Amino acid sequence: MANKKSAKKRVLQNKKRHAINVARKSAIKTAVKKVVAALNADKKQEEVQVLFNDVQAKYARAKSKGTFHAGTASRKVSRLAQKINQKFATQKAAK
């Protein structure tokens, strides 16, 4: 255990930050699952786009707060966008 006052403070700050980061990551995972579920349920493009915008906002916030590296957040958003575009491109081609 930390002995100095500053080290004790850092321990408390780290616990608090860890809890915030875990909650933020969990919220992002839930939002991504909602987008994927909407894609699998053949929801309309507008509905999926609203959910995707929420995911983008959550990743941007997590990136700015240091929960994710910038490249990681960009990569995950990009891959999700690819899935969405692929789904609706095949639907347009089928029509």
Foldseek 3Di string as FASTA:
>chain_A
DDDDPVVVVVVVVVVVVVVVLVVLVVVLVVLLVVLVVCLVVVHDLVVSVVSLVVNLVSLVVCCVVVSDPPVVSVVVSVVSVVVSCVSVVVVVVVD
